[in-house]
Amino acid sequence: MPTAYCGVCEWTHTVTAEETTDLDLAMIDHHVDTGHSPIERADLVEPIAAETGDQHHEDDATVDATARTELE
């Protein structure tokens, strides 16, 4: 079940999978009411296993660093 929580005041809000928009609105309302930020969202889903063919290469790190530099 999707859950949102606030690390400042330990506020939590849980909804069903069909009510994710309600969770987003509750997070916004909590921030507006209290000014607490960031409010984090934790969706309990099964982790996706990496395929055996997916491997991180050194060239990928260079591309990632270049992309981050261009964004900054």
N, C-alpha and C. Protein backbone atom coordinates (compact mmCIF):
# COMPACT_ATOMS: atom_id res chain seq x y z
N MET A 1 0.84 -1.18 0.00
CA MET A 1 0.00 0.00 0.00
C MET A 1 0.89 1.24 0.00
N PRO A 2 0.59 2.18 -0.85
CA PRO A 2 1.36 3.42 -0.87
C PRO A 2 1.21 4.19 0.45
N THR A 3 2.32 4.66 0.96
CA THR A 3 2.35 5.39 2.22
C THR A 3 3.23 6.62 2.07
N ALA A 4 2.81 7.72 2.67
CA ALA A 4 3.63 8.93 2.73
C ALA A 4 3.96 9.17 4.20
N TYR A 5 5.15 9.70 4.44
CA TYR A 5 5.51 10.00 5.83
C TYR A 5 6.38 11.23 5.89
N CYS A 6 6.34 11.87 7.04
CA CYS A 6 7.10 13.09 7.29
C CYS A 6 8.11 12.80 8.39
N GLY A 7 9.38 13.01 8.10
CA GLY A 7 10.42 12.75 9.08
C GLY A 7 10.48 13.79 10.19
N VAL A 8 9.82 14.92 10.00
CA VAL A 8 9.86 15.98 11.01
C VAL A 8 8.92 15.67 12.17
N CYS A 9 7.68 15.29 11.83
CA CYS A 9 6.67 15.12 12.90
C CYS A 9 6.09 13.71 12.94
N GLU A 10 6.63 12.80 12.13
CA GLU A 10 6.19 11.41 12.08
C GLU A 10 4.75 11.25 11.59
N TRP A 11 4.23 12.23 10.82
CA TRP A 11 2.92 12.12 10.18
C TRP A 11 2.99 11.03 9.12
N THR A 12 1.96 10.22 9.03
CA THR A 12 1.88 9.20 7.99
C THR A 12 0.48 9.20 7.40
N HIS A 13 0.39 8.77 6.16
CA HIS A 13 -0.89 8.65 5.48
C HIS A 13 -0.77 7.47 4.52
N THR A 14 -1.70 6.53 4.60
CA THR A 14 -1.68 5.33 3.77
C THR A 14 -2.97 5.25 2.98
N VAL A 15 -2.87 4.83 1.73
CA VAL A 15 -4.04 4.67 0.85
C VAL A 15 -3.95 3.34 0.13
N THR A 16 -5.02 2.98 -0.54
CA THR A 16 -4.99 1.78 -1.38
C THR A 16 -4.29 2.12 -2.69
N ALA A 17 -3.95 1.12 -3.45
CA ALA A 17 -3.24 1.32 -4.71
C ALA A 17 -4.05 2.17 -5.69
N GLU A 18 -5.36 2.14 -5.58
CA GLU A 18 -6.23 2.90 -6.48
C GLU A 18 -6.33 4.38 -6.08
N GLU A 19 -5.88 4.72 -4.88
CA GLU A 19 -6.04 6.08 -4.36
C GLU A 19 -4.74 6.88 -4.33
N THR A 20 -3.85 6.64 -5.29
CA THR A 20 -2.55 7.31 -5.25
C THR A 20 -2.68 8.82 -5.39
N THR A 21 -3.68 9.30 -6.11
CA THR A 21 -3.88 10.75 -6.22
C THR A 21 -4.22 11.33 -4.85
N ASP A 22 -5.02 10.60 -4.08
CA ASP A 22 -5.36 11.05 -2.72
C ASP A 22 -4.11 11.15 -1.86
N LEU A 23 -3.16 10.26 -2.05
CA LEU A 23 -1.92 10.30 -1.29
C LEU A 23 -1.11 11.55 -1.66
N ASP A 24 -1.03 11.84 -2.94
CA ASP A 24 -0.32 13.04 -3.38
C ASP A 24 -0.95 14.30 -2.78
N LEU A 25 -2.27 14.36 -2.79
CA LEU A 25 -2.97 15.52 -2.23
C LEU A 25 -2.75 15.63 -0.72
N ALA A 26 -2.73 14.50 -0.03
CA ALA A 26 -2.49 14.51 1.42
C ALA A 26 -1.08 15.02 1.72
N MET A 27 -0.11 14.65 0.90
CA MET A 27 1.25 15.12 1.08
C MET A 27 1.33 16.64 0.88
N ILE A 28 0.66 17.12 -0.15
CA ILE A 28 0.64 18.56 -0.41
C ILE A 28 -0.03 19.30 0.74
N ASP A 29 -1.17 18.79 1.18
CA ASP A 29 -1.89 19.42 2.30
C ASP A 29 -1.03 19.48 3.55
N HIS A 30 -0.32 18.39 3.85
CA HIS A 30 0.54 18.37 5.04
C HIS A 30 1.64 19.42 4.93
N HIS A 31 2.24 19.52 3.76
CA HIS A 31 3.30 20.51 3.56
C HIS A 31 2.75 21.93 3.70
N VAL A 32 1.58 22.19 3.12
CA VAL A 32 0.98 23.53 3.21
C VAL A 32 0.62 23.85 4.66
N ASP A 33 0.05 22.89 5.37
CA ASP A 33 -0.37 23.12 6.75
C ASP A 33 0.79 23.30 7.72
N THR A 34 1.89 22.56 7.50
CA THR A 34 2.98 22.55 8.49
C THR A 34 4.28 23.17 7.99
N GLY A 35 4.46 23.22 6.67
CA GLY A 35 5.73 23.68 6.12
C GLY A 35 6.81 22.62 6.15
N HIS A 36 6.46 21.41 6.58
CA HIS A 36 7.45 20.33 6.66
C HIS A 36 7.80 19.83 5.26
N SER A 37 9.10 19.68 5.05
CA SER A 37 9.57 19.21 3.76
C SER A 37 10.94 18.58 3.96
N PRO A 38 11.33 17.54 3.28
CA PRO A 38 10.53 16.81 2.31
C PRO A 38 9.65 15.76 2.99
N ILE A 39 8.56 15.51 2.38
CA ILE A 39 7.68 14.41 2.79
C ILE A 39 7.97 13.29 1.80
N GLU A 40 8.22 12.11 2.31
CA GLU A 40 8.62 11.02 1.44
C GLU A 40 7.48 10.05 1.19
N ARG A 41 7.54 9.41 0.05
CA ARG A 41 6.51 8.46 -0.33
C ARG A 41 7.16 7.09 -0.48
N ALA A 42 6.53 6.09 0.12
CA ALA A 42 7.05 4.73 0.02
C ALA A 42 5.94 3.83 -0.51
N ASP A 43 6.13 3.34 -1.73
CA ASP A 43 5.18 2.41 -2.31
C ASP A 43 5.75 1.01 -2.13
N LEU A 44 4.96 0.16 -1.56
CA LEU A 44 5.42 -1.20 -1.34
C LEU A 44 5.16 -2.02 -2.59
N VAL A 45 6.19 -2.15 -3.40
CA VAL A 45 6.10 -2.93 -4.63
C VAL A 45 7.25 -3.92 -4.64
N GLU A 46 7.10 -4.94 -5.42
CA GLU A 46 8.15 -5.93 -5.54
C GLU A 46 9.33 -5.31 -6.29
N PRO A 47 10.56 -5.50 -5.83
CA PRO A 47 11.71 -4.97 -6.55
C PRO A 47 11.87 -5.67 -7.89
N ILE A 48 12.35 -4.95 -8.87
CA ILE A 48 12.58 -5.52 -10.19
C ILE A 48 14.00 -6.05 -10.23
N ALA A 49 14.13 -7.33 -10.52
CA ALA A 49 15.45 -7.94 -10.58
C ALA A 49 16.14 -7.52 -11.86
N ALA A 50 17.42 -7.19 -11.76
CA ALA A 50 18.20 -6.82 -12.94
C ALA A 50 18.44 -8.07 -13.78
N GLU A 51 18.37 -7.88 -15.08
CA GLU A 51 18.66 -8.99 -15.96
C GLU A 51 20.16 -9.24 -15.96
N THR A 52 20.54 -10.47 -16.21
CA THR A 52 21.96 -10.80 -16.17
C THR A 52 22.75 -10.05 -17.23
N GLY A 53 22.13 -9.63 -18.30
CA GLY A 53 22.81 -8.88 -19.35
C GLY A 53 23.04 -7.43 -18.99
N ASP A 54 22.35 -6.92 -17.96
CA ASP A 54 22.51 -5.53 -17.56
C ASP A 54 23.74 -5.40 -16.66
N GLN A 55 24.76 -4.73 -17.17
CA GLN A 55 25.96 -4.51 -16.39
C GLN A 55 26.37 -3.07 -16.54
N HIS A 56 26.92 -2.50 -15.48
CA HIS A 56 27.38 -1.12 -15.50
C HIS A 56 28.82 -1.11 -15.99
N HIS A 57 29.08 -0.31 -17.00
CA HIS A 57 30.42 -0.21 -17.56
C HIS A 57 31.03 1.13 -17.20
N GLU A 58 32.36 1.20 -17.22
CA GLU A 58 33.04 2.45 -16.91
C GLU A 58 32.63 3.55 -17.88
N ASP A 59 32.38 3.20 -19.15
CA ASP A 59 31.96 4.19 -20.13
C ASP A 59 30.63 4.83 -19.73
N ASP A 60 29.74 4.06 -19.11
CA ASP A 60 28.45 4.58 -18.66
C ASP A 60 28.66 5.66 -17.61
N ALA A 61 29.62 5.47 -16.71
CA ALA A 61 29.88 6.46 -15.66
C ALA A 61 30.36 7.77 -16.28
N THR A 62 31.17 7.68 -17.33
CA THR A 62 31.65 8.88 -18.01
C THR A 62 30.50 9.63 -18.65
N VAL A 63 29.61 8.90 -19.30
CA VAL A 63 28.43 9.50 -19.92
C VAL A 63 27.55 10.14 -18.86
N ASP A 64 27.33 9.45 -17.73
CA ASP A 64 26.51 9.98 -16.64
C ASP A 64 27.12 11.27 -16.08
N ALA A 65 28.42 11.30 -15.88
CA ALA A 65 29.09 12.49 -15.34
C ALA A 65 28.98 13.65 -16.31
N THR A 66 29.13 13.37 -17.60
CA THR A 66 29.02 14.40 -18.61
C THR A 66 27.61 14.97 -18.65
N ALA A 67 26.61 14.10 -18.57
CA ALA A 67 25.22 14.54 -18.60
C ALA A 67 24.91 15.40 -17.39
N ARG A 68 25.41 15.03 -16.21
CA ARG A 68 25.17 15.83 -15.01
C ARG A 68 25.81 17.20 -15.14
N THR A 69 27.03 17.26 -15.69
CA THR A 69 27.73 18.53 -15.86
C THR A 69 26.97 19.45 -16.81
N GLU A 70 26.42 18.89 -17.88
CA GLU A 70 25.67 19.69 -18.84
C GLU A 70 24.39 20.23 -18.23
N LEU A 71 23.77 19.49 -17.31
CA LEU A 71 22.56 19.94 -16.67
C LEU A 71 22.83 21.06 -15.67
N GLU A 72 23.98 21.03 -15.05
CA GLU A 72 24.31 22.02 -14.03
C GLU A 72 24.60 23.31 -14.72
